N, C-alpha and C. Protein backbone atom coordinates (compact mmCIF):
# COMPACT_ATOMS: atom_id res chain seq x y z
N UNK A 1 97.09 108.59 187.58
CA UNK A 1 97.70 108.40 186.29
C UNK A 1 96.88 107.35 185.52
N UNK A 2 96.64 107.63 184.26
CA UNK A 2 95.84 106.69 183.47
C UNK A 2 96.73 105.92 182.52
N UNK A 3 96.37 104.71 182.27
CA UNK A 3 97.11 103.87 181.32
C UNK A 3 96.48 104.02 179.95
N UNK A 4 97.31 104.14 178.96
CA UNK A 4 96.82 104.26 177.59
C UNK A 4 96.87 102.90 176.91
N UNK A 5 95.80 102.58 176.24
CA UNK A 5 95.73 101.32 175.51
C UNK A 5 95.77 101.63 174.03
N UNK A 6 96.68 101.02 173.35
CA UNK A 6 96.79 101.29 171.91
C UNK A 6 95.85 100.37 171.16
N UNK A 7 95.19 100.97 170.20
CA UNK A 7 94.27 100.22 169.36
C UNK A 7 94.83 100.23 167.94
N UNK A 8 94.90 99.07 167.37
CA UNK A 8 95.39 99.01 166.00
C UNK A 8 94.22 98.92 165.05
N UNK A 9 94.34 99.63 163.96
CA UNK A 9 93.31 99.61 162.93
C UNK A 9 93.93 99.07 161.66
N UNK A 10 93.23 98.18 161.04
CA UNK A 10 93.73 97.64 159.78
C UNK A 10 92.89 98.19 158.64
N UNK A 11 93.56 98.59 157.60
CA UNK A 11 92.87 99.07 156.41
C UNK A 11 93.33 98.25 155.22
N UNK A 12 92.45 98.08 154.29
CA UNK A 12 92.82 97.35 153.08
C UNK A 12 93.20 98.35 152.00
N UNK A 13 94.27 98.05 151.33
CA UNK A 13 94.77 98.90 150.26
C UNK A 13 94.59 98.14 148.96
N UNK A 14 94.01 98.78 147.92
CA UNK A 14 93.76 98.06 146.68
C UNK A 14 95.03 97.68 145.91
N UNK A 15 96.15 98.25 146.28
CA UNK A 15 97.40 97.91 145.62
C UNK A 15 98.51 97.93 146.66
N UNK A 16 99.56 97.23 146.39
CA UNK A 16 100.68 97.13 147.31
C UNK A 16 101.58 98.35 147.15
N UNK A 17 101.73 99.12 148.22
CA UNK A 17 102.53 100.34 148.15
C UNK A 17 103.99 100.01 147.88
N UNK A 18 104.47 98.95 148.47
CA UNK A 18 105.86 98.57 148.27
C UNK A 18 106.05 97.61 147.13
N UNK A 19 105.29 97.75 146.10
CA UNK A 19 105.37 96.82 144.96
C UNK A 19 106.72 96.94 144.28
N UNK A 20 107.14 95.86 143.69
CA UNK A 20 108.45 95.84 143.03
C UNK A 20 108.46 96.68 141.76
N UNK A 21 107.28 97.04 141.26
CA UNK A 21 107.23 97.84 140.04
C UNK A 21 107.63 99.29 140.28
N UNK A 22 107.63 99.74 141.54
CA UNK A 22 108.03 101.10 141.86
C UNK A 22 106.91 102.11 141.68
N UNK A 23 105.71 101.68 141.38
CA UNK A 23 104.58 102.58 141.17
C UNK A 23 103.98 102.90 142.53
N UNK A 24 103.94 104.17 142.89
CA UNK A 24 103.41 104.56 144.19
C UNK A 24 101.91 104.86 144.13
N UNK A 25 101.41 105.27 142.98
CA UNK A 25 100.00 105.60 142.82
C UNK A 25 99.44 104.83 141.64
N UNK A 26 98.16 104.61 141.68
CA UNK A 26 97.55 104.03 140.49
C UNK A 26 97.64 105.04 139.36
N UNK A 27 97.75 104.55 138.16
CA UNK A 27 97.95 105.44 137.02
C UNK A 27 96.79 106.41 136.84
N UNK A 28 95.56 105.95 137.04
CA UNK A 28 94.41 106.84 136.87
C UNK A 28 94.39 107.91 137.94
N UNK A 29 94.78 107.58 139.16
CA UNK A 29 94.80 108.57 140.23
C UNK A 29 95.89 109.61 139.97
N UNK A 30 97.03 109.16 139.43
CA UNK A 30 98.12 110.08 139.15
C UNK A 30 97.73 111.04 138.02
N UNK A 31 97.07 110.53 136.99
CA UNK A 31 96.61 111.39 135.90
C UNK A 31 95.60 112.40 136.41
N UNK A 32 94.71 111.97 137.28
CA UNK A 32 93.71 112.86 137.84
C UNK A 32 94.37 113.95 138.67
N UNK A 33 95.39 113.58 139.41
CA UNK A 33 96.10 114.54 140.25
C UNK A 33 96.77 115.61 139.38
N UNK A 34 97.43 115.19 138.31
CA UNK A 34 98.08 116.16 137.43
C UNK A 34 97.07 117.02 136.71
N UNK A 35 95.92 116.47 136.37
CA UNK A 35 94.88 117.27 135.72
C UNK A 35 94.38 118.35 136.67
N UNK A 36 94.20 118.01 137.93
CA UNK A 36 93.76 118.99 138.92
C UNK A 36 94.82 120.07 139.11
N UNK A 37 96.08 119.67 139.18
CA UNK A 37 97.17 120.63 139.35
C UNK A 37 97.24 121.59 138.17
N UNK A 38 97.11 121.06 136.96
CA UNK A 38 97.17 121.90 135.76
C UNK A 38 96.01 122.90 135.74
N UNK A 39 94.82 122.44 136.09
CA UNK A 39 93.67 123.36 136.12
C UNK A 39 93.86 124.44 137.17
N UNK A 40 94.40 124.09 138.32
CA UNK A 40 94.62 125.07 139.38
C UNK A 40 95.65 126.13 138.94
N UNK A 41 96.72 125.69 138.31
CA UNK A 41 97.76 126.63 137.85
C UNK A 41 97.21 127.54 136.76
N UNK A 42 96.48 126.97 135.81
CA UNK A 42 95.90 127.78 134.73
C UNK A 42 94.88 128.77 135.28
N UNK A 43 94.07 128.33 136.23
CA UNK A 43 93.09 129.23 136.85
C UNK A 43 93.74 130.37 137.60
N UNK A 44 94.79 130.05 138.36
CA UNK A 44 95.50 131.10 139.11
C UNK A 44 96.17 132.09 138.15
N UNK A 45 96.76 131.58 137.07
CA UNK A 45 97.38 132.46 136.08
C UNK A 45 96.33 133.36 135.43
N UNK A 46 95.15 132.80 135.17
CA UNK A 46 94.07 133.60 134.59
C UNK A 46 93.63 134.73 135.51
N UNK A 47 93.55 134.44 136.80
CA UNK A 47 93.19 135.48 137.77
C UNK A 47 94.24 136.57 137.80
N UNK A 48 95.51 136.19 137.75
CA UNK A 48 96.59 137.19 137.74
C UNK A 48 96.53 138.04 136.47
N UNK A 49 96.24 137.41 135.33
CA UNK A 49 96.15 138.16 134.07
C UNK A 49 94.99 139.15 134.12
N UNK A 50 93.85 138.71 134.63
CA UNK A 50 92.71 139.63 134.75
C UNK A 50 93.01 140.79 135.68
N UNK A 51 93.66 140.49 136.80
CA UNK A 51 94.02 141.55 137.75
C UNK A 51 95.00 142.53 137.10
N UNK A 52 95.94 142.02 136.31
CA UNK A 52 96.90 142.88 135.63
C UNK A 52 96.19 143.76 134.60
N UNK A 53 95.27 143.15 133.83
CA UNK A 53 94.58 143.91 132.78
C UNK A 53 93.72 145.03 133.36
N UNK A 54 93.10 144.78 134.49
CA UNK A 54 92.26 145.79 135.09
C UNK A 54 92.97 146.66 136.10
N UNK A 55 94.31 146.56 136.15
CA UNK A 55 95.11 147.47 136.97
C UNK A 55 95.13 147.15 138.45
N UNK A 56 94.80 145.93 138.84
CA UNK A 56 94.80 145.55 140.25
C UNK A 56 96.17 145.26 140.80
N UNK A 57 97.10 144.92 139.91
CA UNK A 57 98.45 144.58 140.39
C UNK A 57 99.40 145.65 139.94
């Protein structure tokens, strides 16, 4: 039987996750995330529209 040794890793976070302001993400990261989501949804809708127009669906 082998003994397991736990190793702890510390990472530095540029902002406090449990901040009293209630902000979980930096504002720029959140805007970037929503921009990516919007582009993905618009792209997927465009693919569906093209498939519909050419009779694929």
